Amino acid sequence: MRLDRLTNKFQLALADAQSLALGHDNQFIEPLHLMSALLNQEGGSVRPLLTSAGVNAGKLRTDIEQALSRLPQVEGTGGDVQPSQDLVRILNLCDKLAQKKKDNFISSELFVLAALESRVR
């Protein structure tokens, strides 16, 4: 997937997810890291989108934080984190969804849709 196809907000969320993984001493950037970054993003569209769909965003953030605290931690990685297989799979699905919709860019909203679709399968 070409990173230049990601919207600016989505690129920032990915960078925030990487920082979050580093801060938790996780070896991989998981979909949970990215969802947490999207929910906490200032001026982002994911929190309002989920809230309008009836999701309790505060509870979801708490649940994600608890799940993040249970992820395996590693020492001495020196800041070397990489996307997990699950995250890569969902990002590839985002790309496919964007192509189907003939969208030029991959947005945060597509990530949420792809994450939901990947859990259904």
C-alpha atoms as a PDB file:
ATOM      1  CA  MET A   1       0.000   0.000   0.000  1.00  0.00           C
ATOM      2  CA  ARG A   2       1.256   3.454  -0.867  1.00  0.00           C
ATOM      3  CA  LEU A   3       1.419   5.728   2.172  1.00  0.00           C
ATOM      4  CA  ASP A   4       0.805   8.785   0.013  1.00  0.00           C
ATOM      5  CA  ARG A   5      -2.740   7.493  -0.537  1.00  0.00           C
ATOM      6  CA  LEU A   6      -3.505   7.884   3.183  1.00  0.00           C
ATOM      7  CA  THR A   7      -5.244  11.070   4.264  1.00  0.00           C
ATOM      8  CA  ASN A   8      -3.165  13.437   6.388  1.00  0.00           C
ATOM      9  CA  LYS A   9      -5.231  12.647   9.487  1.00  0.00           C
ATOM     10  CA  PHE A  10      -4.795   8.913   8.928  1.00  0.00           C
ATOM     11  CA  GLN A  11      -1.025   9.338   8.490  1.00  0.00           C
ATOM     12  CA  LEU A  12      -0.900  11.263  11.780  1.00  0.00           C
ATOM     13  CA  ALA A  13      -2.920   8.531  13.493  1.00  0.00           C
ATOM     14  CA  LEU A  14      -0.458   5.888  12.254  1.00  0.00           C
ATOM     15  CA  ALA A  15       2.430   7.920  13.656  1.00  0.00           C
ATOM     16  CA  ASP A  16       0.555   8.269  16.959  1.00  0.00           C
ATOM     17  CA  ALA A  17      -0.101   4.514  16.976  1.00  0.00           C
ATOM     18  CA  GLN A  18       3.624   3.888  16.529  1.00  0.00           C
ATOM     19  CA  SER A  19       4.395   6.197  19.459  1.00  0.00           C
ATOM     20  CA  LEU A  20       1.763   4.441  21.534  1.00  0.00           C
ATOM     21  CA  ALA A  21       3.311   1.038  20.783  1.00  0.00           C
ATOM     22  CA  LEU A  22       6.737   2.394  21.743  1.00  0.00           C
ATOM     23  CA  GLY A  23       5.354   3.878  24.949  1.00  0.00           C
ATOM     24  CA  HIS A  24       3.830   0.535  25.930  1.00  0.00           C
ATOM     25  CA  ASP A  25       7.057  -1.348  25.039  1.00  0.00           C
ATOM     26  CA  ASN A  26       5.194  -3.366  22.412  1.00  0.00           C
ATOM     27  CA  GLN A  27       7.121  -4.908  19.538  1.00  0.00           C
ATOM     28  CA  PHE A  28       4.296  -4.516  17.034  1.00  0.00           C
ATOM     29  CA  ILE A  29       1.833  -1.793  16.109  1.00  0.00           C
ATOM     30  CA  GLU A  30      -1.522  -3.490  16.492  1.00  0.00           C
ATOM     31  CA  PRO A  31      -4.955  -2.421  15.230  1.00  0.00           C
ATOM     32  CA  LEU A  32      -5.706  -1.526  18.863  1.00  0.00           C
ATOM     33  CA  HIS A  33      -2.915   1.071  18.856  1.00  0.00           C
ATOM     34  CA  LEU A  34      -4.315   2.656  15.710  1.00  0.00           C
ATOM     35  CA  MET A  35      -7.902   2.605  16.963  1.00  0.00           C
ATOM     36  CA  SER A  36      -6.775   4.245  20.200  1.00  0.00           C
ATOM     37  CA  ALA A  37      -4.942   6.931  18.230  1.00  0.00           C
ATOM     38  CA  LEU A  38      -8.000   7.523  16.054  1.00  0.00           C
ATOM     39  CA  LEU A  39     -10.314   7.812  19.056  1.00  0.00           C
ATOM     40  CA  ASN A  40      -7.986  10.290  20.755  1.00  0.00           C
ATOM     41  CA  GLN A  41      -7.230  12.315  17.626  1.00  0.00           C
ATOM     42  CA  GLU A  42      -7.982  16.014  17.993  1.00  0.00           C
ATOM     43  CA  GLY A  43     -10.440  17.022  15.275  1.00  0.00           C
ATOM     44  CA  GLY A  44     -10.636  13.467  13.971  1.00  0.00           C
ATOM     45  CA  SER A  45     -13.737  11.931  12.449  1.00  0.00           C
ATOM     46  CA  VAL A  46     -13.735   8.488  14.065  1.00  0.00           C
ATOM     47  CA  ARG A  47     -14.982   9.419  17.540  1.00  0.00           C
ATOM     48  CA  PRO A  48     -17.948  11.469  16.193  1.00  0.00           C
ATOM     49  CA  LEU A  49     -18.702   8.743  13.643  1.00  0.00           C
ATOM     50  CA  LEU A  50     -18.829   6.018  16.284  1.00  0.00           C
ATOM     51  CA  THR A  51     -20.792   8.222  18.687  1.00  0.00           C
ATOM     52  CA  SER A  52     -23.411   8.941  16.022  1.00  0.00           C
ATOM     53  CA  ALA A  53     -23.643   5.176  15.445  1.00  0.00           C
ATOM     54  CA  GLY A  54     -24.533   4.729  19.121  1.00  0.00           C
ATOM     55  CA  VAL A  55     -21.123   3.589  20.361  1.00  0.00           C
ATOM     56  CA  ASN A  56     -20.060   4.760  23.817  1.00  0.00           C
ATOM     57  CA  ALA A  57     -16.683   6.192  22.773  1.00  0.00           C
ATOM     58  CA  GLY A  58     -15.528   6.674  26.370  1.00  0.00           C
ATOM     59  CA  LYS A  59     -16.147   3.036  27.248  1.00  0.00           C
ATOM     60  CA  LEU A  60     -14.540   1.904  24.001  1.00  0.00           C
ATOM     61  CA  ARG A  61     -11.417   3.951  24.796  1.00  0.00           C
ATOM     62  CA  THR A  62     -11.273   2.436  28.282  1.00  0.00           C
ATOM     63  CA  ASP A  63     -11.681  -1.080  26.878  1.00  0.00           C
ATOM     64  CA  ILE A  64      -8.938  -0.454  24.311  1.00  0.00           C
ATOM     65  CA  GLU A  65      -6.567   0.900  26.984  1.00  0.00           C
ATOM     66  CA  GLN A  66      -7.171  -2.226  29.075  1.00  0.00           C
ATOM     67  CA  ALA A  67      -6.518  -4.450  26.059  1.00  0.00           C
ATOM     68  CA  LEU A  68      -3.326  -2.511  25.255  1.00  0.00           C
ATOM     69  CA  SER A  69      -2.065  -3.041  28.792  1.00  0.00           C
ATOM     70  CA  ARG A  70      -2.384  -6.813  28.269  1.00  0.00           C
ATOM     71  CA  LEU A  71      -0.282  -6.918  25.087  1.00  0.00           C
ATOM     72  CA  PRO A  72       3.160  -8.538  25.376  1.00  0.00           C
ATOM     73  CA  GLN A  73       5.967  -6.159  26.257  1.00  0.00           C
ATOM     74  CA  VAL A  74       9.580  -6.395  25.178  1.00  0.00           C
ATOM     75  CA  GLU A  75      12.719  -4.744  26.475  1.00  0.00           C
ATOM     76  CA  GLY A  76      15.638  -3.433  24.493  1.00  0.00           C
ATOM     77  CA  THR A  77      13.894  -2.958  21.161  1.00  0.00           C
ATOM     78  CA  GLY A  78      15.580   0.409  20.728  1.00  0.00           C
ATOM     79  CA  GLY A  79      12.444   1.896  19.251  1.00  0.00           C
ATOM     80  CA  ASP A  80      12.155  -0.722  16.528  1.00  0.00           C
ATOM     81  CA  VAL A  81       8.445  -1.413  16.160  1.00  0.00           C
ATOM     82  CA  GLN A  82       6.711  -2.650  13.058  1.00  0.00           C
ATOM     83  CA  PRO A  83       3.117  -3.194  11.957  1.00  0.00           C
ATOM     84  CA  SER A  84       1.629  -6.497  13.075  1.00  0.00           C
ATOM     85  CA  GLN A  85       0.248  -9.001  10.581  1.00  0.00           C
ATOM     86  CA  ASP A  86      -3.277  -8.097  11.709  1.00  0.00           C
ATOM     87  CA  LEU A  87      -2.671  -4.396  11.090  1.00  0.00           C
ATOM     88  CA  VAL A  88      -1.144  -5.049   7.662  1.00  0.00           C
ATOM     89  CA  ARG A  89      -4.115  -7.244   6.736  1.00  0.00           C
ATOM     90  CA  ILE A  90      -6.595  -4.529   7.752  1.00  0.00           C
ATOM     91  CA  LEU A  91      -4.614  -1.818   5.942  1.00  0.00           C
ATOM     92  CA  ASN A  92      -4.617  -3.964   2.792  1.00  0.00           C
ATOM     93  CA  LEU A  93      -8.374  -4.365   3.155  1.00  0.00           C
ATOM     94  CA  CYS A  94      -8.624  -0.555   3.448  1.00  0.00           C
ATOM     95  CA  ASP A  95      -6.815  -0.278   0.141  1.00  0.00           C
ATOM     96  CA  LYS A  96      -9.184  -2.768  -1.506  1.00  0.00           C
ATOM     97  CA  LEU A  97     -12.241  -0.942  -0.134  1.00  0.00           C
ATOM     98  CA  ALA A  98     -10.915   2.381  -1.425  1.00  0.00           C
ATOM     99  CA  GLN A  99     -10.351   0.857  -4.862  1.00  0.00           C
ATOM    100  CA  LYS A 100     -13.886  -0.575  -4.898  1.00  0.00           C
ATOM    101  CA  LYS A 101     -15.296   2.830  -4.008  1.00  0.00           C
ATOM    102  CA  LYS A 102     -12.970   4.453  -6.546  1.00  0.00           C
ATOM    103  CA  ASP A 103     -11.556   6.645  -3.775  1.00  0.00           C
ATOM    104  CA  ASN A 104      -8.151   8.179  -4.370  1.00  0.00           C
ATOM    105  CA  PHE A 105      -7.405   8.329  -0.653  1.00  0.00           C
ATOM    106  CA  ILE A 106      -7.632   5.943   2.289  1.00  0.00           C
ATOM    107  CA  SER A 107      -9.321   7.546   5.273  1.00  0.00           C
ATOM    108  CA  SER A 108      -9.683   6.804   8.958  1.00  0.00           C
ATOM    109  CA  GLU A 109     -13.307   5.866   8.350  1.00  0.00           C
ATOM    110  CA  LEU A 110     -12.216   3.176   5.899  1.00  0.00           C
ATOM    111  CA  PHE A 111      -9.948   1.746   8.585  1.00  0.00           C
ATOM    112  CA  VAL A 112     -12.929   1.405  10.946  1.00  0.00           C
ATOM    113  CA  LEU A 113     -14.977  -0.263   8.200  1.00  0.00           C
ATOM    114  CA  ALA A 114     -12.120  -2.609   7.273  1.00  0.00           C
ATOM    115  CA  ALA A 115     -11.514  -3.497  10.933  1.00  0.00           C
ATOM    116  CA  LEU A 116     -15.185  -4.375  11.331  1.00  0.00           C
ATOM    117  CA  GLU A 117     -15.214  -6.403   8.118  1.00  0.00           C
ATOM    118  CA  SER A 118     -12.072  -8.297   9.089  1.00  0.00           C
ATOM    119  CA  ARG A 119     -13.625  -9.295  12.430  1.00  0.00           C
ATOM    120  CA  VAL A 120     -16.759 -10.591  10.702  1.00  0.00           C
ATOM    121  CA  ARG A 121     -14.786 -13.042   8.549  1.00  0.00           C
END
